[in-house]
Protein backbone atom coordinates (compact mmCIF):
# COMPACT_ATOMS: atom_id res chain seq x y z
CA MET A 1 134.21 -68.27 126.87
CA SER A 2 131.09 -68.31 124.58
CA LEU A 3 128.78 -71.06 124.79
CA ASP A 4 127.93 -72.77 121.44
CA ILE A 5 124.08 -73.29 121.23
CA LYS A 6 122.54 -74.24 117.82
CA PHE A 7 118.81 -74.49 117.05
CA ASP A 8 117.03 -76.49 114.56
CA TRP A 9 113.26 -75.98 114.29
CA ARG A 10 111.03 -77.36 111.81
CA VAL A 11 107.30 -78.00 111.27
CA ASP A 12 105.96 -81.44 110.11
CA GLY A 13 102.58 -82.28 108.53
CA GLU A 14 99.77 -80.28 107.09
CA ALA A 15 98.12 -77.57 109.03
CA GLN A 16 94.56 -78.24 110.24
CA ALA A 17 91.63 -76.35 108.41
CA GLU A 18 91.70 -73.92 111.43
CA PRO A 19 95.03 -74.19 113.13
CA PHE A 20 95.51 -72.92 116.65
CA LEU A 21 98.73 -71.12 115.33
CA ASP A 22 99.17 -69.41 112.12
CA SER A 23 102.73 -69.33 110.39
CA TYR A 24 103.54 -66.05 112.12
CA GLU A 25 102.53 -67.33 115.59
CA LEU A 26 104.69 -70.37 115.01
CA GLU A 27 107.67 -68.17 114.24
CA GLN A 28 107.01 -66.29 117.43
CA MET A 29 106.77 -69.48 119.46
CA PHE A 30 110.11 -70.66 117.97
CA ASP A 31 111.70 -67.36 118.72
CA SER A 32 110.48 -67.36 122.29
CA ALA A 33 111.59 -70.80 122.88
CA LYS A 34 114.97 -70.09 121.33
CA GLN A 35 115.33 -67.15 123.69
CA SER A 36 114.15 -68.85 126.62
CA ILE A 37 116.29 -72.03 126.35
CA GLY A 38 119.19 -70.07 125.33
CA ALA A 39 119.11 -67.72 128.12
CA GLY A 40 118.72 -70.74 130.61
CA LEU A 41 121.71 -72.58 129.16
CA ARG A 42 123.86 -69.39 129.19
CA ARG A 43 122.82 -68.75 132.79
CA LYS A 44 123.74 -72.36 133.90
CA PHE A 45 126.78 -72.95 131.80
CA ALA A 46 128.43 -69.42 131.67
CA ASP A 47 131.60 -70.44 133.51
CA VAL A 48 131.40 -74.13 133.12
CA VAL A 49 134.50 -75.78 131.39
CA CYS A 50 135.92 -79.19 131.54
CA ALA A 51 138.57 -79.23 134.48
CA GLU A 52 140.83 -81.60 132.34
CA HIS A 53 140.49 -80.10 128.90
CA ALA A 54 139.31 -76.48 129.45
CA LYS A 55 136.38 -77.04 126.89
CA ALA A 56 132.75 -75.82 127.17
CA PRO A 57 129.87 -78.08 126.21
CA THR A 58 128.09 -77.60 123.00
CA PHE A 59 124.34 -77.67 122.57
CA LYS A 60 122.04 -78.40 119.70
CA ILE A 61 118.38 -77.96 120.34
CA SER A 62 116.01 -79.53 117.95
CA GLY A 63 112.22 -78.64 117.92
CA VAL A 64 109.47 -80.23 115.70
CA TYR A 65 106.13 -78.76 115.86
CA ASP A 66 103.45 -81.34 114.59
CA ASN A 67 100.77 -79.56 112.73
CA ALA A 68 98.42 -82.55 112.84
CA ASN A 69 98.48 -82.77 116.66
CA GLU A 70 99.51 -79.16 117.31
CA GLU A 71 102.12 -80.34 119.64
CA MET A 72 105.87 -79.39 119.87
CA ASP A 73 108.61 -81.79 120.73
CA ILE A 74 111.90 -80.41 122.02
CA GLN A 75 115.21 -82.42 122.31
CA TYR A 76 118.66 -81.49 123.59
CA HIS A 77 121.79 -82.84 122.15
CA VAL A 78 124.79 -82.32 124.27
CA ASP A 79 128.58 -82.73 123.25
CA THR A 80 131.39 -82.69 125.64
CA CYS A 81 135.24 -83.48 125.38
CA CYS A 82 134.94 -86.39 127.57
CA GLN A 83 132.60 -88.77 129.53
CA ARG A 84 133.44 -87.30 132.88
CA PHE A 85 132.60 -83.69 131.77
CA LEU A 86 129.28 -85.11 130.17
CA MET A 87 128.17 -86.39 133.63
CA ARG A 88 128.93 -83.15 135.17
CA VAL A 89 127.13 -81.19 132.49
CA MET A 90 123.97 -83.51 132.64
CA ARG A 91 123.95 -82.95 136.56
CA ILE A 92 123.91 -79.22 135.83
CA LEU A 93 121.45 -79.40 132.99
CA ASN A 94 118.92 -81.32 135.38
CA GLN A 95 119.14 -78.96 138.35
CA ARG A 96 116.25 -76.70 138.82
CA ALA A 97 116.79 -72.90 138.61
C-alpha cells in the first residue's frame, strides 16, 4: 500500500538585504526536507494499516520559511480512519529511528 504524503512549502515575509539563503538555496532546502521527511515516514509506516479498517494514515507536511527571522517552521497533519489508529500512528511517529 502506498503512503499518501503531501507537502506544502511557502516563504513568508520579505528577504533581508543580504539573506542567508537565496531563492535557489531555499528550493534546495525544501527539496532536501521533503526527501528526508518523506523517506522517514515511508520507512516507519511502510506496512502500517488500521487493524479494523485496513487503511493507512495520510500525512500533510507544512513548512513555512520566515524571511525576516530566517527560520523554518514545520508542522505535521495526520489523518486516520479512527481514533484508535491515530493513537497507534502517533506512538510510531514519536519513536526514534
